[in-house]
C-alpha cells in the first residue's frame, strides 16, 4: 500500500468514526432547565409557589414540588443553590413518579436540609448520609454547586467539586427531575442537564 493510500484509509476511518459518534455527541449536549425569566418547562405539583427573582428561581412557600415536563433516564444534573432562611429544608428529586402527596413516594431525592445536606433519600427513607455540612444562611456565602450523575443503577454526587458519595442501587429506570418545596425559601440558578442515554420521554 502506498503512502497516499494509507493516508486515504486513515482519513476514511476517521470520518466513519466521527459519523458513528454523531448521535451520542448530540445526545450529550447540555440543556438549560431554567431560562432566568419564567417557569417554562416546569410544572408545579400541589400547593407551591415558585417565582423568578433577578434571574434566579426562588422557592417561596408551599408543600409540594416543581417538576420538569419530561422524564429522564441516565443524565448529569448541575445546579447552584442557596438557602435564604434558618432551619432550611428542600430537596432535588430525580427519577421520581407522580405518586404521593405532597411529595413523590416512588423515586429518589438529594436532601437539602441542614442536618441532612446531600443525603440520598428513597421515597421518605434516608438511604445514605452525606459527610458534608449544610451552609450558613448568609448572602455573603458562596452558592453551593451540586452535580448529580445517574447511569443505570449507579448514582454519584459532587458538592462544590468534591465527590461526596457513590451509590449502586437506583431501582427506577426513568422519572422526573424536581425541586422539593417544604415551606422554606431557597434560591436556585444555573440549572442544566445532560442526557447520557440520548433520549427523553414526554411527561
C-alpha atoms as a PDB file:
ATOM      1  CA  UNK A   1       0.000   0.000   0.000  1.00  0.00           C
ATOM      2  CA  UNK A   2       1.376   3.394  -0.988  1.00  0.00           C
ATOM      3  CA  UNK A   3       1.691   6.339   1.378  1.00  0.00           C
ATOM      4  CA  UNK A   4      -1.198   8.083  -0.373  1.00  0.00           C
ATOM      5  CA  UNK A   5      -3.424   5.028   0.017  1.00  0.00           C
ATOM      6  CA  UNK A   6      -2.547   4.710   3.704  1.00  0.00           C
ATOM      7  CA  UNK A   7      -3.437   8.354   4.281  1.00  0.00           C
ATOM      8  CA  UNK A   8      -6.720   7.909   2.439  1.00  0.00           C
ATOM      9  CA  UNK A   9      -7.532   4.842   4.532  1.00  0.00           C
ATOM     10  CA  UNK A  10      -6.802   6.674   7.786  1.00  0.00           C
ATOM     11  CA  UNK A  11      -8.941   9.613   6.672  1.00  0.00           C
ATOM     12  CA  UNK A  12     -11.832   7.293   5.781  1.00  0.00           C
ATOM     13  CA  UNK A  13     -11.624   5.565   9.176  1.00  0.00           C
ATOM     14  CA  UNK A  14     -11.635   8.935  10.942  1.00  0.00           C
ATOM     15  CA  UNK A  15     -14.726  10.044   9.021  1.00  0.00           C
ATOM     16  CA  UNK A  16     -16.549   6.794   9.790  1.00  0.00           C
ATOM     17  CA  UNK A  17     -15.644   7.113  13.445  1.00  0.00           C
ATOM     18  CA  UNK A  18     -16.965  10.655  13.590  1.00  0.00           C
ATOM     19  CA  UNK A  19     -20.209   9.597  11.929  1.00  0.00           C
ATOM     20  CA  UNK A  20     -20.607   6.742  14.376  1.00  0.00           C
ATOM     21  CA  UNK A  21     -20.157   9.121  17.305  1.00  0.00           C
ATOM     22  CA  UNK A  22     -22.563  11.697  15.922  1.00  0.00           C
ATOM     23  CA  UNK A  23     -25.793  10.654  17.712  1.00  0.00           C
ATOM     24  CA  UNK A  24     -24.006  10.172  21.042  1.00  0.00           C
ATOM     25  CA  UNK A  25     -22.388  13.575  20.777  1.00  0.00           C
ATOM     26  CA  UNK A  26     -25.689  15.321  20.046  1.00  0.00           C
ATOM     27  CA  UNK A  27     -27.310  13.466  22.923  1.00  0.00           C
ATOM     28  CA  UNK A  28     -24.557  14.628  25.251  1.00  0.00           C
ATOM     29  CA  UNK A  29     -25.163  18.362  24.838  1.00  0.00           C
ATOM     30  CA  UNK A  30     -26.038  20.414  27.911  1.00  0.00           C
ATOM     31  CA  UNK A  31     -29.609  21.704  28.084  1.00  0.00           C
ATOM     32  CA  UNK A  32     -30.623  24.609  30.312  1.00  0.00           C
ATOM     33  CA  UNK A  33     -33.565  23.850  32.606  1.00  0.00           C
ATOM     34  CA  UNK A  34     -34.217  27.472  33.591  1.00  0.00           C
ATOM     35  CA  UNK A  35     -34.248  30.470  31.265  1.00  0.00           C
ATOM     36  CA  UNK A  36     -33.986  33.097  34.020  1.00  0.00           C
ATOM     37  CA  UNK A  37     -37.302  34.727  33.019  1.00  0.00           C
ATOM     38  CA  UNK A  38     -40.180  32.378  33.783  1.00  0.00           C
ATOM     39  CA  UNK A  39     -41.072  28.790  34.690  1.00  0.00           C
ATOM     40  CA  UNK A  40     -41.198  27.489  31.122  1.00  0.00           C
ATOM     41  CA  UNK A  41     -40.513  23.750  31.121  1.00  0.00           C
ATOM     42  CA  UNK A  42     -41.619  23.291  34.740  1.00  0.00           C
ATOM     43  CA  UNK A  43     -44.870  22.038  36.279  1.00  0.00           C
ATOM     44  CA  UNK A  44     -45.956  22.954  39.855  1.00  0.00           C
ATOM     45  CA  UNK A  45     -47.329  19.988  41.807  1.00  0.00           C
ATOM     46  CA  UNK A  46     -49.699  20.611  44.745  1.00  0.00           C
ATOM     47  CA  UNK A  47     -49.704  23.876  46.728  1.00  0.00           C
ATOM     48  CA  UNK A  48     -46.376  25.503  45.874  1.00  0.00           C
ATOM     49  CA  UNK A  49     -45.167  28.932  44.867  1.00  0.00           C
ATOM     50  CA  UNK A  50     -42.008  29.475  42.854  1.00  0.00           C
ATOM     51  CA  UNK A  51     -41.013  32.868  41.441  1.00  0.00           C
ATOM     52  CA  UNK A  52     -38.234  34.407  39.366  1.00  0.00           C
ATOM     53  CA  UNK A  53     -36.049  36.957  41.204  1.00  0.00           C
ATOM     54  CA  UNK A  54     -33.136  38.638  39.430  1.00  0.00           C
ATOM     55  CA  UNK A  55     -32.681  35.687  37.104  1.00  0.00           C
ATOM     56  CA  UNK A  56     -32.924  33.153  39.928  1.00  0.00           C
ATOM     57  CA  UNK A  57     -35.553  30.503  40.520  1.00  0.00           C
ATOM     58  CA  UNK A  58     -36.889  31.188  44.013  1.00  0.00           C
ATOM     59  CA  UNK A  59     -38.851  28.735  46.118  1.00  0.00           C
ATOM     60  CA  UNK A  60     -41.178  30.994  48.119  1.00  0.00           C
ATOM     61  CA  UNK A  61     -43.576  28.748  50.011  1.00  0.00           C
ATOM     62  CA  UNK A  62     -45.776  25.673  49.936  1.00  0.00           C
ATOM     63  CA  UNK A  63     -45.699  21.935  50.474  1.00  0.00           C
ATOM     64  CA  UNK A  64     -45.240  20.131  47.184  1.00  0.00           C
ATOM     65  CA  UNK A  65     -42.736  20.253  44.365  1.00  0.00           C
ATOM     66  CA  UNK A  66     -41.817  21.655  40.979  1.00  0.00           C
ATOM     67  CA  UNK A  67     -41.102  19.072  38.280  1.00  0.00           C
ATOM     68  CA  UNK A  68     -39.750  19.026  34.753  1.00  0.00           C
ATOM     69  CA  UNK A  69     -42.174  18.495  31.887  1.00  0.00           C
ATOM     70  CA  UNK A  70     -40.274  15.456  30.652  1.00  0.00           C
ATOM     71  CA  UNK A  71     -38.750  12.380  32.220  1.00  0.00           C
ATOM     72  CA  UNK A  72     -35.067  11.474  32.209  1.00  0.00           C
ATOM     73  CA  UNK A  73     -33.174   8.206  32.324  1.00  0.00           C
ATOM     74  CA  UNK A  74     -29.377   8.480  32.537  1.00  0.00           C
ATOM     75  CA  UNK A  75     -28.177  12.052  32.987  1.00  0.00           C
ATOM     76  CA  UNK A  76     -25.886  14.577  34.612  1.00  0.00           C
ATOM     77  CA  UNK A  77     -27.632  17.381  36.506  1.00  0.00           C
ATOM     78  CA  UNK A  78     -25.887  20.533  37.699  1.00  0.00           C
ATOM     79  CA  UNK A  79     -27.441  23.261  39.848  1.00  0.00           C
ATOM     80  CA  UNK A  80     -26.305  26.086  42.091  1.00  0.00           C
ATOM     81  CA  UNK A  81     -28.408  26.779  45.172  1.00  0.00           C
ATOM     82  CA  UNK A  82     -28.543  28.806  48.359  1.00  0.00           C
ATOM     83  CA  UNK A  83     -30.872  28.732  51.399  1.00  0.00           C
ATOM     84  CA  UNK A  84     -32.297  32.082  52.479  1.00  0.00           C
ATOM     85  CA  UNK A  85     -33.831  31.212  55.879  1.00  0.00           C
ATOM     86  CA  UNK A  86     -32.705  29.385  59.004  1.00  0.00           C
ATOM     87  CA  UNK A  87     -33.889  25.798  59.518  1.00  0.00           C
ATOM     88  CA  UNK A  88     -33.943  25.429  55.759  1.00  0.00           C
ATOM     89  CA  UNK A  89     -35.239  22.317  54.035  1.00  0.00           C
ATOM     90  CA  UNK A  90     -35.690  21.360  50.392  1.00  0.00           C
ATOM     91  CA  UNK A  91     -34.517  18.662  48.014  1.00  0.00           C
ATOM     92  CA  UNK A  92     -33.619  17.706  44.457  1.00  0.00           C
ATOM     93  CA  UNK A  93     -35.740  14.887  43.046  1.00  0.00           C
ATOM     94  CA  UNK A  94     -34.609  12.533  40.297  1.00  0.00           C
ATOM     95  CA  UNK A  95     -36.205   9.531  38.634  1.00  0.00           C
ATOM     96  CA  UNK A  96     -39.446  10.134  40.516  1.00  0.00           C
ATOM     97  CA  UNK A  97     -43.029   9.373  39.559  1.00  0.00           C
ATOM     98  CA  UNK A  98     -46.214  11.323  40.251  1.00  0.00           C
ATOM     99  CA  UNK A  99     -47.489   9.114  43.058  1.00  0.00           C
ATOM    100  CA  UNK A 100     -47.667  10.624  46.531  1.00  0.00           C
ATOM    101  CA  UNK A 101     -48.695  13.861  48.210  1.00  0.00           C
ATOM    102  CA  UNK A 102     -47.257  16.348  48.950  1.00  0.00           C
ATOM    103  CA  UNK A 103     -44.069  14.743  47.575  1.00  0.00           C
ATOM    104  CA  UNK A 104     -43.309  11.716  45.392  1.00  0.00           C
ATOM    105  CA  UNK A 105     -43.185   8.379  47.194  1.00  0.00           C
ATOM    106  CA  UNK A 106     -41.688   6.498  44.245  1.00  0.00           C
ATOM    107  CA  UNK A 107     -38.218   7.693  43.337  1.00  0.00           C
ATOM    108  CA  UNK A 108     -35.133   9.422  44.703  1.00  0.00           C
ATOM    109  CA  UNK A 109     -34.121  12.701  46.321  1.00  0.00           C
ATOM    110  CA  UNK A 110     -30.965  14.570  47.314  1.00  0.00           C
ATOM    111  CA  UNK A 111     -31.832  16.202  50.637  1.00  0.00           C
ATOM    112  CA  UNK A 112     -31.169  19.911  51.206  1.00  0.00           C
ATOM    113  CA  UNK A 113     -31.911  20.089  54.917  1.00  0.00           C
ATOM    114  CA  UNK A 114     -29.086  21.472  57.064  1.00  0.00           C
ATOM    115  CA  UNK A 115     -28.540  18.268  59.076  1.00  0.00           C
ATOM    116  CA  UNK A 116     -29.074  16.015  56.042  1.00  0.00           C
ATOM    117  CA  UNK A 117     -27.292  18.130  53.421  1.00  0.00           C
ATOM    118  CA  UNK A 118     -26.604  15.918  50.410  1.00  0.00           C
ATOM    119  CA  UNK A 119     -28.177  12.775  51.882  1.00  0.00           C
ATOM    120  CA  UNK A 120     -29.750  10.270  49.472  1.00  0.00           C
ATOM    121  CA  UNK A 121     -33.448   9.611  50.100  1.00  0.00           C
ATOM    122  CA  UNK A 122     -35.660   6.912  48.579  1.00  0.00           C
ATOM    123  CA  UNK A 123     -39.291   7.894  48.990  1.00  0.00           C
ATOM    124  CA  UNK A 124     -39.239   9.177  52.577  1.00  0.00           C
ATOM    125  CA  UNK A 125     -36.407   6.921  53.783  1.00  0.00           C
ATOM    126  CA  UNK A 126     -32.783   8.018  54.215  1.00  0.00           C
ATOM    127  CA  UNK A 127     -30.591   5.548  52.329  1.00  0.00           C
ATOM    128  CA  UNK A 128     -27.199   7.234  52.514  1.00  0.00           C
ATOM    129  CA  UNK A 129     -25.959  10.111  54.646  1.00  0.00           C
ATOM    130  CA  UNK A 130     -23.511  12.727  53.431  1.00  0.00           C
ATOM    131  CA  UNK A 131     -20.386  13.895  55.291  1.00  0.00           C
ATOM    132  CA  UNK A 132     -20.958  17.453  54.035  1.00  0.00           C
ATOM    133  CA  UNK A 133     -22.434  20.038  56.396  1.00  0.00           C
ATOM    134  CA  UNK A 134     -25.139  22.424  55.269  1.00  0.00           C
ATOM    135  CA  UNK A 135     -24.028  26.039  54.673  1.00  0.00           C
ATOM    136  CA  UNK A 136     -24.720  29.047  56.867  1.00  0.00           C
ATOM    137  CA  UNK A 137     -27.521  31.373  55.853  1.00  0.00           C
ATOM    138  CA  UNK A 138     -25.583  34.414  54.702  1.00  0.00           C
ATOM    139  CA  UNK A 139     -25.804  36.387  51.464  1.00  0.00           C
ATOM    140  CA  UNK A 140     -22.015  36.615  51.515  1.00  0.00           C
ATOM    141  CA  UNK A 141     -21.725  32.828  51.473  1.00  0.00           C
ATOM    142  CA  UNK A 142     -20.861  31.341  48.053  1.00  0.00           C
ATOM    143  CA  UNK A 143     -23.515  29.366  46.248  1.00  0.00           C
ATOM    144  CA  UNK A 144     -23.370  25.601  46.687  1.00  0.00           C
ATOM    145  CA  UNK A 145     -22.923  23.674  43.442  1.00  0.00           C
ATOM    146  CA  UNK A 146     -24.419  20.193  43.174  1.00  0.00           C
ATOM    147  CA  UNK A 147     -23.577  17.738  40.413  1.00  0.00           C
ATOM    148  CA  UNK A 148     -25.614  14.534  40.217  1.00  0.00           C
ATOM    149  CA  UNK A 149     -24.747  11.800  37.728  1.00  0.00           C
ATOM    150  CA  UNK A 150     -27.017   8.794  37.241  1.00  0.00           C
ATOM    151  CA  UNK A 151     -26.131   5.860  34.971  1.00  0.00           C
ATOM    152  CA  UNK A 152     -28.252   2.747  35.164  1.00  0.00           C
ATOM    153  CA  UNK A 153     -28.372   1.715  38.813  1.00  0.00           C
ATOM    154  CA  UNK A 154     -25.439   3.912  39.842  1.00  0.00           C
ATOM    155  CA  UNK A 155     -25.564   7.482  41.135  1.00  0.00           C
ATOM    156  CA  UNK A 156     -22.818   9.855  42.259  1.00  0.00           C
ATOM    157  CA  UNK A 157     -22.985  13.218  43.984  1.00  0.00           C
ATOM    158  CA  UNK A 158     -20.422  16.006  43.912  1.00  0.00           C
ATOM    159  CA  UNK A 159     -20.772  19.139  46.038  1.00  0.00           C
ATOM    160  CA  UNK A 160     -18.581  22.119  45.205  1.00  0.00           C
ATOM    161  CA  UNK A 161     -16.357  19.964  43.022  1.00  0.00           C
ATOM    162  CA  UNK A 162     -15.749  17.222  45.603  1.00  0.00           C
ATOM    163  CA  UNK A 163     -17.062  13.674  45.381  1.00  0.00           C
ATOM    164  CA  UNK A 164     -19.442  13.116  48.308  1.00  0.00           C
ATOM    165  CA  UNK A 165     -20.775   9.619  47.694  1.00  0.00           C
ATOM    166  CA  UNK A 166     -21.401   6.863  45.176  1.00  0.00           C
ATOM    167  CA  UNK A 167     -24.394   4.542  45.333  1.00  0.00           C
ATOM    168  CA  UNK A 168     -25.328   1.386  43.422  1.00  0.00           C
ATOM    169  CA  UNK A 169     -28.999   0.502  43.711  1.00  0.00           C
ATOM    170  CA  UNK A 170     -31.138   3.057  41.859  1.00  0.00           C
ATOM    171  CA  UNK A 171     -34.109   0.850  41.051  1.00  0.00           C
ATOM    172  CA  UNK A 172     -36.200   3.134  38.837  1.00  0.00           C
ATOM    173  CA  UNK A 173     -35.146   3.474  35.194  1.00  0.00           C
ATOM    174  CA  UNK A 174     -36.758   6.837  34.388  1.00  0.00           C
ATOM    175  CA  UNK A 175     -38.581   9.678  36.045  1.00  0.00           C
ATOM    176  CA  UNK A 176     -38.950  13.406  36.516  1.00  0.00           C
ATOM    177  CA  UNK A 177     -36.429  15.860  37.902  1.00  0.00           C
ATOM    178  CA  UNK A 178     -37.799  18.196  40.533  1.00  0.00           C
ATOM    179  CA  UNK A 179     -37.329  20.647  43.390  1.00  0.00           C
ATOM    180  CA  UNK A 180     -38.979  19.981  46.734  1.00  0.00           C
ATOM    181  CA  UNK A 181     -40.956  22.751  48.435  1.00  0.00           C
ATOM    182  CA  UNK A 182     -41.103  22.468  52.215  1.00  0.00           C
ATOM    183  CA  UNK A 183     -42.223  25.993  53.110  1.00  0.00           C
ATOM    184  CA  UNK A 184     -38.659  27.299  53.255  1.00  0.00           C
ATOM    185  CA  UNK A 185     -37.183  29.972  50.956  1.00  0.00           C
ATOM    186  CA  UNK A 186     -34.419  28.799  48.604  1.00  0.00           C
ATOM    187  CA  UNK A 187     -32.759  30.252  45.511  1.00  0.00           C
ATOM    188  CA  UNK A 188     -31.654  28.144  42.530  1.00  0.00           C
ATOM    189  CA  UNK A 189     -29.733  29.094  39.408  1.00  0.00           C
ATOM    190  CA  UNK A 190     -27.631  27.620  36.585  1.00  0.00           C
ATOM    191  CA  UNK A 191     -29.829  24.529  36.329  1.00  0.00           C
ATOM    192  CA  UNK A 192     -28.769  22.362  33.427  1.00  0.00           C
ATOM    193  CA  UNK A 193     -28.955  18.705  32.421  1.00  0.00           C
ATOM    194  CA  UNK A 194     -27.033  16.495  30.012  1.00  0.00           C
ATOM    195  CA  UNK A 195     -28.719  13.270  28.931  1.00  0.00           C
ATOM    196  CA  UNK A 196     -26.416  10.274  28.743  1.00  0.00           C
ATOM    197  CA  UNK A 197     -28.801   7.888  27.025  1.00  0.00           C
ATOM    198  CA  UNK A 198     -29.641  10.245  24.174  1.00  0.00           C
ATOM    199  CA  UNK A 199     -33.391  10.025  24.681  1.00  0.00           C
ATOM    200  CA  UNK A 200     -36.047  11.610  26.833  1.00  0.00           C
ATOM    201  CA  UNK A 201     -39.698  10.769  27.262  1.00  0.00           C
ATOM    202  CA  UNK A 202     -42.532  13.268  27.279  1.00  0.00           C
ATOM    203  CA  UNK A 203     -44.378  13.876  30.509  1.00  0.00           C
END
